[in-house]
N, C-alpha and C. Protein backbone atom coordinates (compact mmCIF):
# COMPACT_ATOMS: atom_id res chain seq x y z
N UNK A 1 -15.54 25.21 21.00
CA UNK A 1 -15.60 23.87 20.41
C UNK A 1 -14.19 23.44 20.01
N UNK A 2 -13.78 22.20 20.37
CA UNK A 2 -12.43 21.76 20.04
C UNK A 2 -12.21 21.63 18.54
N UNK A 3 -10.97 21.86 18.12
CA UNK A 3 -10.61 21.75 16.71
C UNK A 3 -10.54 20.28 16.34
N UNK A 4 -11.14 19.92 15.20
CA UNK A 4 -11.03 18.52 14.76
C UNK A 4 -9.78 18.38 13.89
N UNK A 5 -9.15 17.23 14.00
CA UNK A 5 -7.94 16.94 13.24
C UNK A 5 -8.34 16.22 11.96
N UNK A 6 -7.84 16.69 10.83
CA UNK A 6 -8.20 16.07 9.55
C UNK A 6 -7.33 14.84 9.30
N UNK A 7 -7.96 13.81 8.72
CA UNK A 7 -7.30 12.51 8.56
C UNK A 7 -7.55 11.93 7.18
N UNK A 8 -6.52 11.28 6.63
CA UNK A 8 -6.65 10.42 5.46
C UNK A 8 -6.25 9.02 5.89
N UNK A 9 -7.03 8.03 5.50
CA UNK A 9 -6.74 6.64 5.85
C UNK A 9 -6.48 5.84 4.58
N UNK A 10 -5.43 5.02 4.61
CA UNK A 10 -5.12 4.17 3.46
C UNK A 10 -4.85 2.74 3.94
N UNK A 11 -5.56 1.80 3.34
CA UNK A 11 -5.36 0.38 3.67
C UNK A 11 -5.86 -0.44 2.49
N UNK A 12 -5.10 -1.44 2.03
CA UNK A 12 -5.53 -2.22 0.88
C UNK A 12 -6.70 -3.16 1.19
N UNK A 13 -6.95 -3.40 2.48
CA UNK A 13 -8.02 -4.30 2.90
C UNK A 13 -9.32 -3.50 3.06
N UNK A 14 -10.32 -3.81 2.24
CA UNK A 14 -11.59 -3.07 2.24
C UNK A 14 -12.26 -3.08 3.61
N UNK A 15 -12.26 -4.23 4.27
CA UNK A 15 -12.92 -4.34 5.58
C UNK A 15 -12.20 -3.48 6.62
N UNK A 16 -10.86 -3.53 6.62
CA UNK A 16 -10.09 -2.72 7.57
C UNK A 16 -10.28 -1.23 7.27
N UNK A 17 -10.29 -0.87 5.99
CA UNK A 17 -10.48 0.52 5.60
C UNK A 17 -11.83 1.04 6.10
N UNK A 18 -12.87 0.23 5.96
CA UNK A 18 -14.21 0.62 6.42
C UNK A 18 -14.25 0.74 7.95
N UNK A 19 -13.63 -0.23 8.64
CA UNK A 19 -13.62 -0.20 10.11
C UNK A 19 -12.90 1.05 10.63
N UNK A 20 -11.75 1.38 10.04
CA UNK A 20 -11.01 2.57 10.45
C UNK A 20 -11.81 3.84 10.14
N UNK A 21 -12.44 3.87 8.98
CA UNK A 21 -13.27 5.02 8.60
C UNK A 21 -14.38 5.22 9.62
N UNK A 22 -15.08 4.14 9.96
CA UNK A 22 -16.17 4.22 10.93
C UNK A 22 -15.67 4.72 12.28
N UNK A 23 -14.51 4.21 12.73
CA UNK A 23 -13.94 4.60 14.01
C UNK A 23 -13.70 6.11 14.07
N UNK A 24 -13.08 6.66 13.04
CA UNK A 24 -12.75 8.08 13.07
C UNK A 24 -13.94 8.98 12.75
N UNK A 25 -14.88 8.49 11.97
CA UNK A 25 -16.08 9.29 11.70
C UNK A 25 -16.96 9.42 12.94
N UNK A 26 -16.93 8.43 13.84
CA UNK A 26 -17.73 8.48 15.08
C UNK A 26 -17.14 9.42 16.11
N UNK A 27 -15.87 9.76 15.98
CA UNK A 27 -15.18 10.57 16.99
C UNK A 27 -15.16 12.03 16.54
N UNK A 28 -15.83 12.93 17.28
CA UNK A 28 -15.91 14.35 16.86
C UNK A 28 -14.57 15.07 16.88
N UNK A 29 -13.54 14.46 17.47
CA UNK A 29 -12.22 15.10 17.51
C UNK A 29 -11.49 15.00 16.17
N UNK A 30 -12.06 14.20 15.24
CA UNK A 30 -11.41 13.97 13.96
C UNK A 30 -12.37 14.24 12.81
N UNK A 31 -11.79 14.61 11.68
CA UNK A 31 -12.56 14.82 10.45
C UNK A 31 -11.92 13.98 9.34
N UNK A 32 -12.64 12.95 8.90
CA UNK A 32 -12.12 12.07 7.85
C UNK A 32 -12.27 12.77 6.51
N UNK A 33 -11.15 13.02 5.84
CA UNK A 33 -11.13 13.75 4.58
C UNK A 33 -11.20 12.81 3.38
N UNK A 34 -10.46 11.68 3.45
CA UNK A 34 -10.42 10.76 2.31
C UNK A 34 -9.95 9.40 2.77
N UNK A 35 -10.24 8.39 1.95
CA UNK A 35 -9.71 7.05 2.16
C UNK A 35 -9.17 6.54 0.82
N UNK A 36 -8.26 5.59 0.90
CA UNK A 36 -7.70 5.02 -0.32
C UNK A 36 -7.25 3.59 -0.06
N UNK A 37 -7.33 2.77 -1.10
CA UNK A 37 -6.82 1.40 -1.02
C UNK A 37 -5.43 1.29 -1.64
N UNK A 38 -4.93 2.37 -2.25
CA UNK A 38 -3.65 2.32 -2.95
C UNK A 38 -2.71 3.43 -2.50
N UNK A 39 -1.41 3.20 -2.71
CA UNK A 39 -0.41 4.23 -2.40
C UNK A 39 -0.62 5.45 -3.28
N UNK A 40 -0.94 5.21 -4.54
CA UNK A 40 -1.13 6.34 -5.47
C UNK A 40 -2.29 7.22 -5.02
N UNK A 41 -3.41 6.59 -4.66
CA UNK A 41 -4.58 7.34 -4.20
C UNK A 41 -4.29 8.11 -2.92
N UNK A 42 -3.55 7.47 -2.01
CA UNK A 42 -3.18 8.11 -0.76
C UNK A 42 -2.32 9.35 -1.02
N UNK A 43 -1.26 9.18 -1.84
CA UNK A 43 -0.37 10.29 -2.13
C UNK A 43 -1.09 11.42 -2.86
N UNK A 44 -1.93 11.06 -3.81
CA UNK A 44 -2.70 12.08 -4.54
C UNK A 44 -3.58 12.87 -3.59
N UNK A 45 -4.26 12.18 -2.68
CA UNK A 45 -5.12 12.86 -1.71
C UNK A 45 -4.31 13.79 -0.81
N UNK A 46 -3.15 13.32 -0.34
CA UNK A 46 -2.30 14.14 0.54
C UNK A 46 -1.79 15.39 -0.17
N UNK A 47 -1.50 15.27 -1.46
CA UNK A 47 -0.98 16.40 -2.21
C UNK A 47 -2.09 17.37 -2.61
N UNK A 48 -3.30 16.86 -2.75
CA UNK A 48 -4.43 17.68 -3.18
C UNK A 48 -5.08 18.42 -2.01
N UNK A 49 -5.22 17.73 -0.87
CA UNK A 49 -5.92 18.29 0.29
C UNK A 49 -5.00 18.22 1.51
N UNK A 50 -4.60 19.36 2.05
CA UNK A 50 -3.74 19.31 3.23
C UNK A 50 -4.49 18.66 4.40
N UNK A 51 -3.85 17.72 5.07
CA UNK A 51 -4.44 17.06 6.24
C UNK A 51 -3.41 16.99 7.35
N UNK A 52 -3.91 16.78 8.56
CA UNK A 52 -3.04 16.70 9.72
C UNK A 52 -2.38 15.34 9.87
N UNK A 53 -3.16 14.26 9.63
CA UNK A 53 -2.70 12.91 9.94
C UNK A 53 -3.02 11.95 8.80
N UNK A 54 -2.07 11.08 8.50
CA UNK A 54 -2.32 9.97 7.58
C UNK A 54 -2.17 8.67 8.35
N UNK A 55 -3.16 7.80 8.25
CA UNK A 55 -3.08 6.49 8.90
C UNK A 55 -2.98 5.47 7.78
N UNK A 56 -1.87 4.73 7.77
CA UNK A 56 -1.60 3.87 6.62
C UNK A 56 -1.12 2.49 7.03
N UNK A 57 -1.49 1.51 6.22
CA UNK A 57 -0.92 0.18 6.33
C UNK A 57 0.54 0.27 5.90
N UNK A 58 1.42 -0.49 6.51
CA UNK A 58 2.85 -0.42 6.18
C UNK A 58 3.11 -0.65 4.70
N UNK A 59 2.29 -1.49 4.05
CA UNK A 59 2.50 -1.77 2.64
C UNK A 59 2.09 -0.66 1.70
N UNK A 60 1.37 0.33 2.19
CA UNK A 60 0.82 1.38 1.32
C UNK A 60 1.83 2.46 0.94
N UNK A 61 2.45 3.16 1.88
CA UNK A 61 3.11 4.40 1.49
C UNK A 61 4.57 4.28 1.10
N UNK A 62 5.00 5.24 0.36
CA UNK A 62 6.41 5.55 0.25
C UNK A 62 6.55 6.84 1.04
N UNK A 63 6.84 6.71 2.33
CA UNK A 63 6.79 7.84 3.23
C UNK A 63 7.78 8.94 2.86
N UNK A 64 8.90 8.56 2.25
CA UNK A 64 9.91 9.55 1.89
C UNK A 64 9.41 10.60 0.92
N UNK A 65 8.43 10.25 0.10
CA UNK A 65 7.88 11.20 -0.86
C UNK A 65 7.22 12.36 -0.14
N UNK A 66 6.56 12.08 1.00
CA UNK A 66 5.86 13.13 1.74
C UNK A 66 6.75 13.84 2.75
N UNK A 67 7.77 13.15 3.23
CA UNK A 67 8.54 13.64 4.37
C UNK A 67 9.06 15.07 4.19
N UNK A 68 9.53 15.41 3.02
CA UNK A 68 10.15 16.72 2.81
C UNK A 68 9.18 17.78 2.29
N UNK A 69 7.92 17.43 2.15
CA UNK A 69 6.94 18.40 1.65
C UNK A 69 6.42 19.27 2.79
N UNK A 70 6.23 20.57 2.52
CA UNK A 70 5.65 21.42 3.56
C UNK A 70 4.20 20.97 3.80
N UNK A 71 3.77 21.06 5.02
CA UNK A 71 2.40 20.69 5.42
C UNK A 71 2.07 19.23 5.15
N UNK A 72 3.08 18.37 5.13
CA UNK A 72 2.82 16.94 4.94
C UNK A 72 2.11 16.41 6.18
N UNK A 73 1.23 15.43 6.00
CA UNK A 73 0.56 14.86 7.19
C UNK A 73 1.56 14.09 8.04
N UNK A 74 1.28 14.04 9.31
CA UNK A 74 2.06 13.20 10.22
C UNK A 74 1.52 11.79 10.07
N UNK A 75 2.40 10.86 9.80
CA UNK A 75 1.98 9.50 9.42
C UNK A 75 2.00 8.54 10.62
N UNK A 76 0.89 7.81 10.76
CA UNK A 76 0.81 6.70 11.71
C UNK A 76 0.78 5.42 10.89
N UNK A 77 1.77 4.56 11.08
CA UNK A 77 1.77 3.26 10.41
C UNK A 77 0.95 2.31 11.28
N UNK A 78 -0.10 1.76 10.68
CA UNK A 78 -1.03 0.85 11.37
C UNK A 78 -0.87 -0.51 10.72
N UNK A 79 -0.16 -1.41 11.39
CA UNK A 79 0.19 -2.68 10.75
C UNK A 79 0.25 -3.79 11.78
N UNK A 80 0.29 -5.02 11.30
CA UNK A 80 0.43 -6.15 12.21
C UNK A 80 1.83 -6.12 12.80
N UNK A 81 1.98 -6.73 13.97
CA UNK A 81 3.29 -6.72 14.61
C UNK A 81 4.06 -8.01 14.36
N UNK A 82 3.79 -8.65 13.22
CA UNK A 82 4.47 -9.89 12.87
C UNK A 82 5.95 -9.70 12.62
N UNK A 83 6.34 -8.54 12.11
CA UNK A 83 7.75 -8.25 11.85
C UNK A 83 8.20 -7.20 12.88
N UNK A 84 9.01 -7.59 13.84
CA UNK A 84 9.40 -6.65 14.89
C UNK A 84 10.23 -5.47 14.39
N UNK A 85 10.71 -5.54 13.14
CA UNK A 85 11.53 -4.46 12.60
C UNK A 85 10.68 -3.35 11.94
N UNK A 86 9.39 -3.59 11.73
CA UNK A 86 8.55 -2.60 11.05
C UNK A 86 8.51 -1.26 11.79
N UNK A 87 8.32 -1.22 13.11
CA UNK A 87 8.32 0.10 13.77
C UNK A 87 9.61 0.88 13.54
N UNK A 88 10.75 0.20 13.61
CA UNK A 88 12.03 0.89 13.38
C UNK A 88 12.12 1.41 11.95
N UNK A 89 11.72 0.56 11.00
CA UNK A 89 11.78 0.97 9.60
C UNK A 89 10.79 2.10 9.32
N UNK A 90 9.63 2.06 9.97
CA UNK A 90 8.65 3.13 9.80
C UNK A 90 9.20 4.45 10.34
N UNK A 91 9.84 4.40 11.51
CA UNK A 91 10.43 5.61 12.07
C UNK A 91 11.53 6.15 11.16
N UNK A 92 12.39 5.27 10.67
CA UNK A 92 13.48 5.69 9.79
C UNK A 92 12.94 6.29 8.50
N UNK A 93 11.77 5.84 8.05
CA UNK A 93 11.17 6.35 6.82
C UNK A 93 10.42 7.67 7.02
N UNK A 94 10.29 8.10 8.28
CA UNK A 94 9.67 9.39 8.54
C UNK A 94 8.30 9.33 9.19
N UNK A 95 7.83 8.16 9.58
CA UNK A 95 6.54 8.07 10.25
C UNK A 95 6.62 8.74 11.63
N UNK A 96 5.47 9.20 12.12
CA UNK A 96 5.42 9.82 13.44
C UNK A 96 5.00 8.82 14.51
N UNK A 97 4.42 7.69 14.09
CA UNK A 97 3.95 6.71 15.08
C UNK A 97 3.76 5.35 14.43
N UNK A 98 3.71 4.35 15.31
CA UNK A 98 3.38 2.99 14.89
C UNK A 98 2.32 2.47 15.86
N UNK A 99 1.29 1.84 15.31
CA UNK A 99 0.27 1.21 16.14
C UNK A 99 -0.03 -0.16 15.55
N UNK A 100 0.00 -1.17 16.39
CA UNK A 100 -0.29 -2.51 15.92
C UNK A 100 -1.80 -2.69 15.69
N UNK A 101 -2.14 -3.52 14.72
CA UNK A 101 -3.55 -3.79 14.42
C UNK A 101 -4.26 -4.48 15.58
N UNK A 102 -3.50 -5.09 16.47
CA UNK A 102 -4.10 -5.77 17.62
C UNK A 102 -4.45 -4.82 18.76
N UNK A 103 -4.03 -3.57 18.65
CA UNK A 103 -4.28 -2.61 19.73
C UNK A 103 -5.78 -2.29 19.83
N UNK A 104 -6.25 -1.97 21.03
CA UNK A 104 -7.64 -1.55 21.17
C UNK A 104 -7.90 -0.27 20.38
N UNK A 105 -9.14 -0.09 19.92
CA UNK A 105 -9.49 1.10 19.13
C UNK A 105 -9.09 2.39 19.83
N UNK A 106 -9.35 2.45 21.15
CA UNK A 106 -9.05 3.67 21.90
C UNK A 106 -7.58 4.02 21.83
N UNK A 107 -6.72 3.02 21.78
CA UNK A 107 -5.28 3.29 21.70
C UNK A 107 -4.93 3.99 20.39
N UNK A 108 -5.52 3.55 19.28
CA UNK A 108 -5.25 4.21 18.00
C UNK A 108 -5.74 5.65 18.03
N UNK A 109 -6.91 5.89 18.61
CA UNK A 109 -7.43 7.26 18.73
C UNK A 109 -6.49 8.13 19.56
N UNK A 110 -5.98 7.59 20.67
CA UNK A 110 -5.07 8.35 21.53
C UNK A 110 -3.74 8.63 20.83
N UNK A 111 -3.26 7.65 20.07
CA UNK A 111 -2.03 7.86 19.30
C UNK A 111 -2.25 8.97 18.28
N UNK A 112 -3.40 8.96 17.60
CA UNK A 112 -3.70 10.00 16.61
C UNK A 112 -3.73 11.38 17.28
N UNK A 113 -4.31 11.47 18.47
CA UNK A 113 -4.32 12.76 19.19
C UNK A 113 -2.91 13.20 19.54
N UNK A 114 -2.10 12.26 20.03
CA UNK A 114 -0.72 12.60 20.40
C UNK A 114 0.07 13.08 19.18
N UNK A 115 -0.08 12.37 18.07
CA UNK A 115 0.63 12.73 16.84
C UNK A 115 0.20 14.11 16.36
N UNK A 116 -1.09 14.43 16.51
CA UNK A 116 -1.58 15.73 16.04
C UNK A 116 -0.99 16.89 16.85
N UNK A 117 -0.47 16.61 18.04
CA UNK A 117 0.16 17.66 18.85
C UNK A 117 1.67 17.69 18.69
N UNK A 118 2.18 16.89 17.74
CA UNK A 118 3.61 16.91 17.46
C UNK A 118 4.43 15.82 18.11
N UNK A 119 3.77 14.92 18.84
CA UNK A 119 4.50 13.84 19.50
C UNK A 119 4.77 12.69 18.54
N UNK A 120 5.78 11.90 18.89
CA UNK A 120 6.05 10.64 18.18
C UNK A 120 5.70 9.51 19.13
N UNK A 121 5.08 8.45 18.60
CA UNK A 121 4.64 7.34 19.44
C UNK A 121 5.09 6.02 18.81
N UNK A 122 6.07 5.40 19.45
CA UNK A 122 6.60 4.12 18.98
C UNK A 122 6.80 3.19 20.16
N UNK A 123 6.71 1.88 19.92
CA UNK A 123 7.08 0.95 20.99
C UNK A 123 8.57 1.10 21.27
N UNK A 124 9.01 0.62 22.44
CA UNK A 124 10.43 0.72 22.77
C UNK A 124 11.27 0.05 21.69
N UNK A 125 12.31 0.72 21.27
CA UNK A 125 13.27 0.13 20.34
C UNK A 125 14.62 0.81 20.53
N UNK A 126 15.65 0.14 20.09
CA UNK A 126 17.00 0.70 20.14
C UNK A 126 17.16 1.59 18.92
N UNK A 127 17.09 2.89 19.12
CA UNK A 127 17.10 3.83 18.00
C UNK A 127 18.50 4.06 17.41
N UNK A 128 19.53 3.49 18.01
CA UNK A 128 20.87 3.67 17.45
C UNK A 128 20.96 3.11 16.04
N UNK A 129 20.13 2.11 15.75
CA UNK A 129 20.17 1.49 14.42
C UNK A 129 19.51 2.36 13.35
N UNK A 130 18.81 3.43 13.74
CA UNK A 130 18.12 4.26 12.75
C UNK A 130 19.09 4.98 11.81
N UNK A 131 20.28 5.28 12.30
CA UNK A 131 21.24 5.99 11.46
C UNK A 131 22.02 5.05 10.56
N UNK A 132 21.77 3.76 10.70
CA UNK A 132 22.47 2.77 9.90
C UNK A 132 22.06 2.92 8.44
N UNK A 133 23.02 2.80 7.56
CA UNK A 133 22.75 2.84 6.13
C UNK A 133 21.97 1.58 5.76
N UNK A 134 20.80 1.70 5.11
CA UNK A 134 20.02 0.51 4.79
C UNK A 134 20.75 -0.46 3.87
N UNK A 135 21.75 0.05 3.12
CA UNK A 135 22.52 -0.84 2.25
C UNK A 135 23.34 -1.85 3.06
N UNK A 136 23.60 -1.53 4.33
CA UNK A 136 24.36 -2.45 5.19
C UNK A 136 23.59 -3.74 5.44
N UNK A 137 22.27 -3.72 5.29
CA UNK A 137 21.46 -4.91 5.53
C UNK A 137 21.46 -5.85 4.32
N UNK A 138 21.98 -5.39 3.17
CA UNK A 138 21.96 -6.19 1.96
C UNK A 138 23.08 -7.23 1.96
N UNK A 139 22.78 -8.40 1.42
CA UNK A 139 23.82 -9.41 1.23
C UNK A 139 24.68 -8.98 0.03
N UNK A 140 25.83 -9.63 -0.13
CA UNK A 140 26.69 -9.31 -1.28
C UNK A 140 25.94 -9.55 -2.60
N UNK A 141 25.16 -10.61 -2.66
CA UNK A 141 24.39 -10.92 -3.87
C UNK A 141 23.37 -9.81 -4.14
N UNK A 142 22.69 -9.32 -3.09
CA UNK A 142 21.70 -8.25 -3.26
C UNK A 142 22.38 -6.95 -3.69
N UNK A 143 23.57 -6.67 -3.16
CA UNK A 143 24.31 -5.47 -3.59
C UNK A 143 24.68 -5.57 -5.06
N UNK A 144 25.11 -6.77 -5.48
CA UNK A 144 25.45 -6.98 -6.89
C UNK A 144 24.22 -6.81 -7.77
N UNK A 145 23.08 -7.29 -7.30
CA UNK A 145 21.84 -7.15 -8.08
C UNK A 145 21.42 -5.69 -8.19
N UNK A 146 21.56 -4.95 -7.11
CA UNK A 146 21.21 -3.52 -7.13
C UNK A 146 22.06 -2.78 -8.14
N UNK A 147 23.36 -3.06 -8.14
CA UNK A 147 24.26 -2.42 -9.12
C UNK A 147 23.90 -2.83 -10.54
N UNK A 148 23.56 -4.12 -10.73
CA UNK A 148 23.18 -4.60 -12.06
C UNK A 148 21.85 -3.97 -12.52
N UNK A 149 20.92 -3.80 -11.59
CA UNK A 149 19.66 -3.12 -11.92
C UNK A 149 19.94 -1.70 -12.43
N UNK A 150 20.87 -1.03 -11.75
CA UNK A 150 21.22 0.34 -12.13
C UNK A 150 21.85 0.39 -13.52
N UNK A 151 22.43 -0.73 -13.96
CA UNK A 151 23.00 -0.80 -15.31
C UNK A 151 21.94 -1.21 -16.34
N UNK A 152 20.68 -1.35 -15.90
CA UNK A 152 19.59 -1.65 -16.82
C UNK A 152 19.39 -3.11 -17.13
N UNK A 153 19.91 -4.01 -16.32
CA UNK A 153 19.78 -5.45 -16.59
C UNK A 153 18.35 -5.93 -16.36
N UNK A 154 17.87 -6.80 -17.21
CA UNK A 154 16.57 -7.44 -17.05
C UNK A 154 16.74 -8.63 -16.10
N UNK A 155 15.63 -9.24 -15.69
CA UNK A 155 15.71 -10.43 -14.84
C UNK A 155 16.47 -11.56 -15.52
N UNK A 156 16.23 -11.72 -16.82
CA UNK A 156 16.93 -12.76 -17.57
C UNK A 156 18.43 -12.49 -17.59
N UNK A 157 18.80 -11.25 -17.83
CA UNK A 157 20.22 -10.89 -17.84
C UNK A 157 20.84 -11.03 -16.45
N UNK A 158 20.07 -10.69 -15.40
CA UNK A 158 20.57 -10.86 -14.03
C UNK A 158 20.84 -12.34 -13.75
N UNK A 159 19.89 -13.20 -14.17
CA UNK A 159 20.06 -14.65 -13.94
C UNK A 159 21.32 -15.15 -14.63
N UNK A 160 21.54 -14.73 -15.86
CA UNK A 160 22.72 -15.18 -16.61
C UNK A 160 24.00 -14.61 -15.98
N UNK A 161 23.99 -13.33 -15.64
CA UNK A 161 25.17 -12.67 -15.09
C UNK A 161 25.57 -13.26 -13.74
N UNK A 162 24.58 -13.61 -12.92
CA UNK A 162 24.86 -14.12 -11.58
C UNK A 162 24.81 -15.65 -11.49
N UNK A 163 24.53 -16.28 -12.64
CA UNK A 163 24.48 -17.74 -12.73
C UNK A 163 23.47 -18.35 -11.74
N UNK A 164 22.25 -17.77 -11.74
CA UNK A 164 21.16 -18.25 -10.89
C UNK A 164 19.88 -18.31 -11.73
N UNK A 165 18.85 -18.94 -11.20
CA UNK A 165 17.59 -19.06 -11.94
C UNK A 165 16.79 -17.76 -11.87
N UNK A 166 15.83 -17.61 -12.77
CA UNK A 166 14.94 -16.43 -12.76
C UNK A 166 14.17 -16.36 -11.44
N UNK A 167 13.72 -17.53 -10.94
CA UNK A 167 12.99 -17.53 -9.67
C UNK A 167 13.87 -17.05 -8.52
N UNK A 168 15.14 -17.42 -8.54
CA UNK A 168 16.07 -16.95 -7.51
C UNK A 168 16.30 -15.45 -7.65
N UNK A 169 16.36 -14.96 -8.88
CA UNK A 169 16.46 -13.51 -9.11
C UNK A 169 15.27 -12.81 -8.47
N UNK A 170 14.07 -13.31 -8.73
CA UNK A 170 12.85 -12.70 -8.18
C UNK A 170 12.86 -12.73 -6.65
N UNK A 171 13.33 -13.84 -6.08
CA UNK A 171 13.43 -13.97 -4.63
C UNK A 171 14.36 -12.90 -4.06
N UNK A 172 15.54 -12.75 -4.66
CA UNK A 172 16.50 -11.76 -4.18
C UNK A 172 15.98 -10.33 -4.37
N UNK A 173 15.30 -10.09 -5.48
CA UNK A 173 14.75 -8.75 -5.71
C UNK A 173 13.69 -8.40 -4.66
N UNK A 174 12.83 -9.37 -4.33
CA UNK A 174 11.82 -9.11 -3.29
C UNK A 174 12.50 -8.77 -1.97
N UNK A 175 13.53 -9.51 -1.61
CA UNK A 175 14.26 -9.22 -0.37
C UNK A 175 14.91 -7.84 -0.42
N UNK A 176 15.52 -7.52 -1.55
CA UNK A 176 16.18 -6.23 -1.72
C UNK A 176 15.17 -5.09 -1.57
N UNK A 177 14.02 -5.20 -2.25
CA UNK A 177 12.99 -4.16 -2.16
C UNK A 177 12.50 -4.01 -0.73
N UNK A 178 12.29 -5.14 -0.05
CA UNK A 178 11.79 -5.10 1.31
C UNK A 178 12.79 -4.44 2.25
N UNK A 179 14.05 -4.80 2.14
CA UNK A 179 15.08 -4.24 3.03
C UNK A 179 15.26 -2.74 2.83
N UNK A 180 15.08 -2.28 1.59
CA UNK A 180 15.26 -0.85 1.30
C UNK A 180 13.95 -0.08 1.31
N UNK A 181 12.85 -0.78 1.64
CA UNK A 181 11.52 -0.17 1.65
C UNK A 181 11.16 0.42 0.28
N UNK A 182 11.37 -0.38 -0.76
CA UNK A 182 11.07 0.02 -2.12
C UNK A 182 9.98 -0.88 -2.68
N UNK A 183 9.34 -0.41 -3.75
CA UNK A 183 8.25 -1.18 -4.34
C UNK A 183 8.60 -1.85 -5.65
N UNK A 184 9.56 -1.29 -6.39
CA UNK A 184 9.80 -1.83 -7.73
C UNK A 184 11.21 -1.49 -8.22
N UNK A 185 11.49 -1.95 -9.42
CA UNK A 185 12.80 -1.79 -10.06
C UNK A 185 13.18 -0.32 -10.24
N UNK A 186 12.24 0.50 -10.69
CA UNK A 186 12.59 1.91 -10.93
C UNK A 186 12.93 2.63 -9.63
N UNK A 187 12.25 2.28 -8.53
CA UNK A 187 12.61 2.88 -7.25
C UNK A 187 13.98 2.40 -6.79
N UNK A 188 14.30 1.14 -7.06
CA UNK A 188 15.61 0.61 -6.70
C UNK A 188 16.72 1.33 -7.46
N UNK A 189 16.48 1.57 -8.74
CA UNK A 189 17.47 2.29 -9.56
C UNK A 189 17.65 3.71 -9.05
N UNK A 190 16.52 4.37 -8.74
CA UNK A 190 16.59 5.73 -8.19
C UNK A 190 17.34 5.74 -6.87
N UNK A 191 17.08 4.75 -6.02
CA UNK A 191 17.78 4.65 -4.73
C UNK A 191 19.28 4.50 -4.95
N UNK A 192 19.66 3.65 -5.90
CA UNK A 192 21.07 3.40 -6.18
C UNK A 192 21.79 4.70 -6.57
N UNK A 193 21.18 5.46 -7.46
CA UNK A 193 21.83 6.68 -7.93
C UNK A 193 21.73 7.82 -6.94
N UNK A 194 20.73 7.77 -6.02
CA UNK A 194 20.59 8.84 -5.04
C UNK A 194 21.51 8.66 -3.85
N UNK A 195 22.02 7.43 -3.65
CA UNK A 195 22.87 7.17 -2.48
C UNK A 195 24.33 7.17 -2.89
N UNK A 196 25.19 7.43 -1.92
CA UNK A 196 26.63 7.38 -2.18
C UNK A 196 27.04 5.94 -2.33
N UNK A 197 27.68 5.62 -3.42
CA UNK A 197 28.06 4.21 -3.68
C UNK A 197 29.43 3.93 -3.11
């Protein structure tokens, strides 16, 4: 009897989470271990129960947290292809594969099988950019904001220091978090101190 591959699925959309669960539960080659709608639930499940594969919406994981752990699941990012840079960013963050939500169900199943054997599956991309420092994508204003965040500045203090409105501060912070694949201020501060300035 063939070995089934264990899977954890994470997606914030309840309908998508149920559809993916049903897909993998119907296929005897896979064993669904857990599902989650949040990054915290996904990470907790991965740390509690060793699994072969994690299938996640791009917005869910902080892949770097799992990347260096022994027996970490191989991650498939399952997301819309609206942003052509997501596959590259997913690969740079440590994912093993990218599959668009528009792909046929069978394609996702085949990608999961390939990933379980150690393969990486991504659409064609110029991988030379993977070694690029993500800070290079930041504007001068975003670099200044990152440094100010590391000094403990609040949004109000950032607005005053940079002579911009609070809404503009929030806009720049969202862009900064997105470019660096971060979720919040504390991750941005950790990123700042963990990288060579």
